[in-house]
Protein backbone atom coordinates (compact mmCIF):
# COMPACT_ATOMS: atom_id res chain seq x y z
CA UNK A 1 -67.91 43.19 63.05
CA UNK A 2 -70.49 41.01 61.40
CA UNK A 3 -69.27 38.84 58.51
CA UNK A 4 -71.67 36.55 56.72
CA UNK A 5 -70.71 33.06 55.53
CA UNK A 6 -71.17 34.02 51.87
CA UNK A 7 -68.54 36.73 52.29
CA UNK A 8 -66.17 34.22 53.86
CA UNK A 9 -66.70 31.84 50.96
CA UNK A 10 -65.92 34.62 48.49
CA UNK A 11 -62.80 35.56 50.44
CA UNK A 12 -61.67 31.93 50.56
CA UNK A 13 -62.14 31.59 46.78
CA UNK A 14 -60.22 34.82 46.16
CA UNK A 15 -57.34 33.70 48.41
CA UNK A 16 -57.23 30.31 46.70
CA UNK A 17 -57.10 32.04 43.31
CA UNK A 18 -54.25 34.27 44.49
CA UNK A 19 -52.37 31.24 45.80
CA UNK A 20 -52.78 29.39 42.48
CA UNK A 21 -51.65 32.45 40.55
CA UNK A 22 -48.62 32.86 42.84
CA UNK A 23 -47.64 29.25 42.19
CA UNK A 24 -47.91 29.81 38.43
CA UNK A 25 -45.91 33.03 38.71
CA UNK A 26 -43.17 31.34 40.74
CA UNK A 27 -42.79 28.79 37.93
CA UNK A 28 -42.42 31.54 35.32
CA UNK A 29 -38.93 31.21 33.90
CA UNK A 30 -39.28 33.21 30.72
CA UNK A 31 -38.66 36.84 29.99
CA UNK A 32 -41.64 39.16 29.99
CA UNK A 33 -42.22 41.12 26.78
CA UNK A 34 -42.09 44.90 27.13
CA UNK A 35 -45.71 45.13 25.87
CA UNK A 36 -46.79 43.07 28.88
CA UNK A 37 -44.51 44.78 31.39
CA UNK A 38 -45.18 48.32 30.16
CA UNK A 39 -48.77 48.31 28.87
CA UNK A 40 -50.12 51.57 27.46
CA UNK A 41 -52.20 52.16 30.60
CA UNK A 42 -49.07 51.97 32.79
CA UNK A 43 -47.06 54.31 30.55
CA UNK A 44 -49.95 56.79 30.37
CA UNK A 45 -50.31 56.76 34.16
CA UNK A 46 -46.71 57.82 34.77
CA UNK A 47 -45.71 59.75 31.62
CA UNK A 48 -47.16 62.00 28.95
CA UNK A 49 -46.50 59.29 26.33
CA UNK A 50 -49.24 57.04 24.98
CA UNK A 51 -47.12 53.86 24.79
CA UNK A 52 -43.69 52.53 25.70
CA UNK A 53 -42.54 52.85 22.09
CA UNK A 54 -43.69 56.48 22.04
CA UNK A 55 -41.83 57.09 25.29
CA UNK A 56 -38.61 55.69 23.81
CA UNK A 57 -38.99 57.75 20.63
CA UNK A 58 -39.68 60.92 22.60
CA UNK A 59 -36.58 60.23 24.71
CA UNK A 60 -34.49 59.99 21.53
CA UNK A 61 -34.05 56.24 21.11
CA UNK A 62 -33.16 55.28 17.55
CA UNK A 63 -31.55 51.88 18.05
CA UNK A 64 -32.71 48.51 16.81
CA UNK A 65 -30.79 45.86 18.71
CA UNK A 66 -31.16 44.60 22.26
CA UNK A 67 -27.67 45.88 23.03
CA UNK A 68 -28.54 49.38 21.76
CA UNK A 69 -31.77 49.33 23.78
CA UNK A 70 -30.00 48.32 26.99
CA UNK A 71 -27.30 50.94 26.47
CA UNK A 72 -29.90 53.65 25.84
CA UNK A 73 -32.12 52.92 28.83
CA UNK A 74 -29.13 52.54 31.15
CA UNK A 75 -27.39 55.75 30.06
CA UNK A 76 -30.01 58.19 28.70
CA UNK A 77 -33.51 57.37 29.87
CA UNK A 78 -33.07 58.69 33.43
CA UNK A 79 -32.57 62.22 32.10
CA UNK A 80 -35.77 62.05 30.07
CA UNK A 81 -37.85 60.47 32.82
CA UNK A 82 -36.70 63.04 35.35
CA UNK A 83 -38.28 65.88 33.38
CA UNK A 84 -41.14 64.11 31.56
CA UNK A 85 -42.47 61.61 34.06
CA UNK A 86 -43.82 61.12 37.55
CA UNK A 87 -40.98 58.58 37.91
CA UNK A 88 -37.44 59.90 37.94
CA UNK A 89 -35.30 56.87 37.06
CA UNK A 90 -35.36 53.88 34.73
CA UNK A 91 -34.89 51.58 37.74
CA UNK A 92 -37.92 53.06 39.50
CA UNK A 93 -39.91 52.81 36.26
CA UNK A 94 -39.01 49.12 35.96
CA UNK A 95 -39.70 48.41 39.63
CA UNK A 96 -43.18 49.96 39.45
CA UNK A 97 -43.90 48.07 36.24
CA UNK A 98 -42.84 44.75 37.77
CA UNK A 99 -44.93 45.42 40.87
CA UNK A 100 -47.94 46.21 38.70
CA UNK A 101 -47.35 43.17 36.48
CA UNK A 102 -47.07 40.79 39.46
CA UNK A 103 -50.14 42.26 41.15
CA UNK A 104 -52.16 41.80 37.96
CA UNK A 105 -50.89 38.23 37.51
CA UNK A 106 -51.82 37.42 41.12
CA UNK A 107 -55.35 38.66 40.55
CA UNK A 108 -55.38 41.92 42.49
């Protein structure tokens, strides 16, 4: 294996950037907006919907409050995702979104 010094410098810079981003992410103490956690590209990758709002509408969500949203996603969204998505549960959908969000914030 032959690695040149320029490649090592690039790798070192990339690792330093990831470390800095990880430190910023570990200090994050605010909630992440659904637009940031479920960007259109993520929703389109795993569902036939074009956005998270479209996904909710297609699943039958008509609420307006945070409490109504939480109740809906915790009691009804699994059924919709199971038949209209590559992901079968709301928990799995959230977990994949968080993984994607963190990876993007780290610089991957």
